[in-house]
Amino acid sequence: MCSLQRLNYVIIHLYIMPSKEQYFSPAESLKLIQSMIDKTKNSISDKSHYFLLWGWAIFIGCVLQYWLKVIVNWPQHYYAWLITPVALVVHFYFTLRDKRKEKVQTYIGEAFRYLWISIGSSFMVLAFIFSHIGWQYCYPFYILFYAIGTYVSGSLIKFKPLKYGGLVCFPLAAVAELLSSDDQILILALAVMLSYIIPGYLLRQQYKKQLKHNG
């Protein structure tokens, strides 16, 4: 039994079983755990637009900043990141819309939500820090947080493209540290392409297939 299954096995026996006054065999417990994972995966697949929203927002920001800074040599190249507050507004719209129609609540879903609240909060703290010490140091750290968020998310829902996309970002963060700050922008674009955009489209494709199968 893997560590995730053992964790859910403990949760089931500590919280679900006593409240319902019933007992599960090991096979029934594993079946319930798998059901929780499948429900969460379907719920997150339905929310693949979050990965695509932020993936494309960051990717466009990176490419635009690189073009303005390196090709055009414009001093205000950082204006490229005005796309971020626009993406944030769209994100809140998605959140309000999805909250009204959300039906599935699972422990894995809660873990997924808390993970990304932590990652999002870390991004805001990093923005505050780098606004004081200099943005030229930020890219490897952001890539590292993308790696953590997507790797753990892919592991929670057992979705390999998301997991492997995050895994690849770990060495990319190390490689970025060896390059110039301009080249780091392109490494960041590559990181979000591998960890957000491609897995996001694959999640959406899987969800559509699931809907077609159920329908």
Protein backbone atom coordinates (compact mmCIF):
# COMPACT_ATOMS: atom_id res chain seq x y z
CA MET A 1 0.00 0.00 0.00
CA CYS A 2 1.52 3.36 -1.04
CA SER A 3 1.93 6.24 1.39
CA LEU A 4 -1.09 8.12 -0.05
CA GLN A 5 -3.26 5.04 0.33
CA ARG A 6 -2.05 4.51 3.90
CA LEU A 7 -2.88 8.13 4.73
CA ASN A 8 -6.39 7.81 3.37
CA TYR A 9 -6.75 4.40 5.09
CA VAL A 10 -6.04 6.11 8.43
CA ILE A 11 -8.47 8.95 7.61
CA ILE A 12 -11.20 6.48 6.76
CA HIS A 13 -10.77 4.49 9.97
CA LEU A 14 -10.41 7.54 12.22
CA TYR A 15 -13.20 9.71 10.80
CA ILE A 16 -15.49 7.89 8.39
CA MET A 17 -15.88 4.56 10.17
CA PRO A 18 -16.61 5.86 13.69
CA SER A 19 -19.16 8.36 12.43
CA LYS A 20 -21.02 5.75 10.44
CA GLU A 21 -20.43 2.90 12.89
CA GLN A 22 -19.42 0.48 10.18
CA TYR A 23 -16.24 -1.38 9.34
CA PHE A 24 -14.44 -1.76 6.04
CA SER A 25 -12.31 -4.65 4.94
CA PRO A 26 -8.89 -3.75 3.47
CA ALA A 27 -10.28 -4.34 -0.05
CA GLU A 28 -13.29 -2.11 0.63
CA SER A 29 -11.05 0.59 2.11
CA LEU A 30 -8.80 0.57 -0.97
CA LYS A 31 -11.88 0.72 -3.21
CA LEU A 32 -13.15 3.76 -1.29
CA ILE A 33 -9.74 5.41 -1.50
CA GLN A 34 -9.61 4.86 -5.27
CA SER A 35 -13.12 6.27 -5.55
CA MET A 36 -11.98 9.41 -3.71
CA ILE A 37 -9.00 9.77 -6.04
CA ASP A 38 -11.19 9.28 -9.16
CA LYS A 39 -13.74 11.84 -7.98
CA THR A 40 -11.01 14.36 -7.23
CA LYS A 41 -9.33 13.72 -10.57
CA ASN A 42 -12.59 14.31 -12.42
CA SER A 43 -13.23 17.47 -10.40
CA ILE A 44 -9.73 18.79 -11.10
CA SER A 45 -9.94 17.78 -14.76
CA ASP A 46 -13.06 19.95 -14.94
CA LYS A 47 -10.91 22.78 -13.54
CA SER A 48 -8.10 22.40 -16.08
CA HIS A 49 -8.87 25.98 -17.13
CA TYR A 50 -6.95 27.17 -14.05
CA PHE A 51 -3.76 25.48 -15.27
CA LEU A 52 -4.34 26.80 -18.78
CA LEU A 53 -5.15 30.32 -17.57
CA TRP A 54 -2.00 30.71 -15.49
CA GLY A 55 0.14 28.68 -17.86
CA TRP A 56 -0.67 30.89 -20.83
CA ALA A 57 -0.57 34.09 -18.75
CA ILE A 58 2.94 33.34 -17.47
CA PHE A 59 4.10 32.04 -20.85
CA ILE A 60 2.88 35.17 -22.67
CA GLY A 61 4.38 37.37 -19.95
CA CYS A 62 7.76 35.65 -20.32
CA VAL A 63 7.87 35.82 -24.11
CA LEU A 64 6.66 39.43 -24.17
CA GLN A 65 9.15 40.54 -21.52
CA TYR A 66 12.02 38.80 -23.33
CA TRP A 67 11.02 40.46 -26.60
CA LEU A 68 10.70 43.92 -25.01
CA LYS A 69 13.92 43.61 -22.99
CA VAL A 70 16.29 41.74 -25.31
CA ILE A 71 14.98 42.38 -28.82
CA VAL A 72 13.39 45.85 -28.51
CA ASN A 73 15.62 46.97 -25.60
CA TRP A 74 12.74 48.84 -23.96
CA PRO A 75 13.50 49.96 -20.37
CA GLN A 76 9.91 49.38 -19.20
CA HIS A 77 9.94 45.74 -20.29
CA TYR A 78 8.37 44.76 -16.96
CA TYR A 79 5.04 46.12 -18.27
CA ALA A 80 4.68 42.69 -19.86
CA TRP A 81 3.57 41.41 -16.45
CA LEU A 82 0.45 43.56 -16.44
CA ILE A 83 -1.10 40.38 -17.79
CA THR A 84 -0.93 39.00 -14.24
CA PRO A 85 -3.70 41.15 -12.66
CA VAL A 86 -5.88 40.42 -15.70
CA ALA A 87 -5.36 36.68 -15.14
CA LEU A 88 -6.13 37.19 -11.44
CA VAL A 89 -9.51 38.76 -12.25
CA VAL A 90 -10.35 35.86 -14.58
CA HIS A 91 -9.21 33.42 -11.88
CA PHE A 92 -11.63 34.92 -9.33
CA TYR A 93 -14.42 34.73 -11.91
CA PHE A 94 -13.69 31.02 -12.43
CA THR A 95 -13.58 30.49 -8.65
CA LEU A 96 -17.02 32.06 -8.09
CA ARG A 97 -18.51 30.19 -11.03
CA ASP A 98 -17.08 26.81 -10.03
CA LYS A 99 -18.01 27.22 -6.37
CA ARG A 100 -21.70 27.43 -7.28
CA LYS A 101 -21.64 24.16 -9.20
CA GLU A 102 -19.12 22.18 -7.13
CA LYS A 103 -20.62 18.95 -5.84
CA VAL A 104 -17.71 16.69 -4.86
CA GLN A 105 -15.83 17.23 -1.59
CA THR A 106 -13.03 14.77 -0.75
CA TYR A 107 -10.00 14.75 1.54
CA ILE A 108 -7.73 14.67 -1.50
CA GLY A 109 -9.60 17.63 -2.95
CA GLU A 110 -9.07 19.53 0.29
CA ALA A 111 -5.35 18.69 0.22
CA PHE A 112 -5.18 19.92 -3.38
CA ARG A 113 -6.89 23.18 -2.45
CA TYR A 114 -4.64 23.84 0.56
CA LEU A 115 -1.56 23.07 -1.52
CA TRP A 116 -2.39 25.74 -4.08
CA ILE A 117 -3.42 28.27 -1.44
CA SER A 118 0.06 27.78 0.03
CA ILE A 119 1.74 28.04 -3.37
CA GLY A 120 -0.25 31.17 -4.27
CA SER A 121 0.59 32.78 -0.93
CA SER A 122 4.26 31.94 -1.48
CA PHE A 123 4.17 33.66 -4.88
CA MET A 124 2.85 36.84 -3.26
CA VAL A 125 5.52 36.74 -0.55
CA LEU A 126 8.21 36.18 -3.18
CA ALA A 127 6.91 39.14 -5.17
CA PHE A 128 7.27 41.33 -2.07
CA ILE A 129 10.79 40.05 -1.40
CA PHE A 130 12.06 40.43 -4.97
CA SER A 131 10.57 43.91 -5.29
CA HIS A 132 13.17 44.87 -2.64
CA ILE A 133 16.20 42.76 -3.55
CA GLY A 134 15.82 42.77 -7.35
CA TRP A 135 13.70 40.79 -9.80
CA GLN A 136 16.74 39.37 -11.59
CA TYR A 137 16.92 36.69 -8.89
CA CYS A 138 13.31 35.53 -9.03
CA TYR A 139 13.03 33.06 -11.92
CA PRO A 140 14.65 29.92 -10.42
CA PHE A 141 12.51 30.32 -7.29
CA TYR A 142 9.28 30.59 -9.25
CA ILE A 143 10.22 27.56 -11.33
CA LEU A 144 10.90 25.66 -8.10
CA PHE A 145 7.44 26.47 -6.73
CA TYR A 146 5.86 25.44 -10.04
CA ALA A 147 7.73 22.16 -9.67
CA ILE A 148 6.45 21.56 -6.14
CA GLY A 149 2.85 22.50 -6.92
CA THR A 150 2.43 20.46 -10.08
CA TYR A 151 4.46 17.45 -8.90
CA VAL A 152 2.44 17.11 -5.69
CA SER A 153 -0.83 17.76 -7.56
CA GLY A 154 -0.04 15.11 -10.16
CA SER A 155 0.89 12.67 -7.41
CA LEU A 156 -2.34 13.32 -5.47
CA ILE A 157 -4.61 12.62 -8.44
CA LYS A 158 -2.28 10.06 -10.06
CA PHE A 159 -2.04 12.02 -13.32
CA LYS A 160 1.37 11.33 -14.83
CA PRO A 161 1.67 14.28 -17.28
CA LEU A 162 1.14 16.75 -14.41
CA LYS A 163 3.47 14.81 -12.12
CA TYR A 164 6.26 14.46 -14.68
CA GLY A 165 5.83 18.05 -15.85
CA GLY A 166 6.47 19.19 -12.29
CA LEU A 167 9.35 16.76 -11.91
CA VAL A 168 11.13 18.22 -14.94
CA CYS A 169 10.92 21.69 -13.40
CA PHE A 170 13.30 20.75 -10.57
CA PRO A 171 16.37 20.44 -12.83
CA LEU A 172 15.14 23.43 -14.87
CA ALA A 173 15.30 25.56 -11.72
CA ALA A 174 18.91 24.46 -11.19
CA VAL A 175 19.81 25.08 -14.83
CA ALA A 176 18.22 28.55 -14.74
CA GLU A 177 20.52 29.55 -11.87
CA LEU A 178 23.52 28.97 -14.16
CA LEU A 179 22.21 31.26 -16.91
CA SER A 180 21.81 34.99 -17.33
CA SER A 181 18.61 36.62 -16.08
CA ASP A 182 17.49 37.15 -19.69
CA ASP A 183 17.88 33.46 -20.53
CA GLN A 184 16.13 32.56 -17.28
CA ILE A 185 12.98 34.19 -18.67
CA LEU A 186 12.93 31.63 -21.49
CA ILE A 187 13.55 28.77 -19.05
CA LEU A 188 10.55 29.98 -17.04
CA ALA A 189 8.44 29.95 -20.22
CA LEU A 190 9.58 26.38 -20.91
CA ALA A 191 8.77 25.37 -17.32
CA VAL A 192 5.15 26.58 -17.48
CA MET A 193 4.71 24.98 -20.90
CA LEU A 194 5.77 21.59 -19.50
CA SER A 195 4.11 21.81 -16.08
CA TYR A 196 0.94 23.85 -16.72
CA ILE A 197 -0.05 24.16 -20.38
CA ILE A 198 0.55 20.68 -21.77
CA PRO A 199 -0.83 18.86 -18.66
CA GLY A 200 -3.76 21.33 -18.63
CA TYR A 201 -4.79 20.37 -22.16
CA LEU A 202 -4.35 16.68 -21.37
CA LEU A 203 -6.52 17.08 -18.25
CA ARG A 204 -9.21 18.77 -20.34
CA GLN A 205 -9.03 16.01 -22.93
CA GLN A 206 -9.37 13.36 -20.23
CA TYR A 207 -12.38 15.12 -18.72
CA LYS A 208 -14.12 15.33 -22.09
CA LYS A 209 -13.51 11.63 -22.65
CA GLN A 210 -14.92 10.89 -19.19
CA LEU A 211 -18.03 12.94 -19.95
CA LYS A 212 -18.46 11.15 -23.26
CA HIS A 213 -18.03 7.76 -21.55
CA ASN A 214 -20.54 8.58 -18.81
CA GLY A 215 -22.96 10.07 -21.28
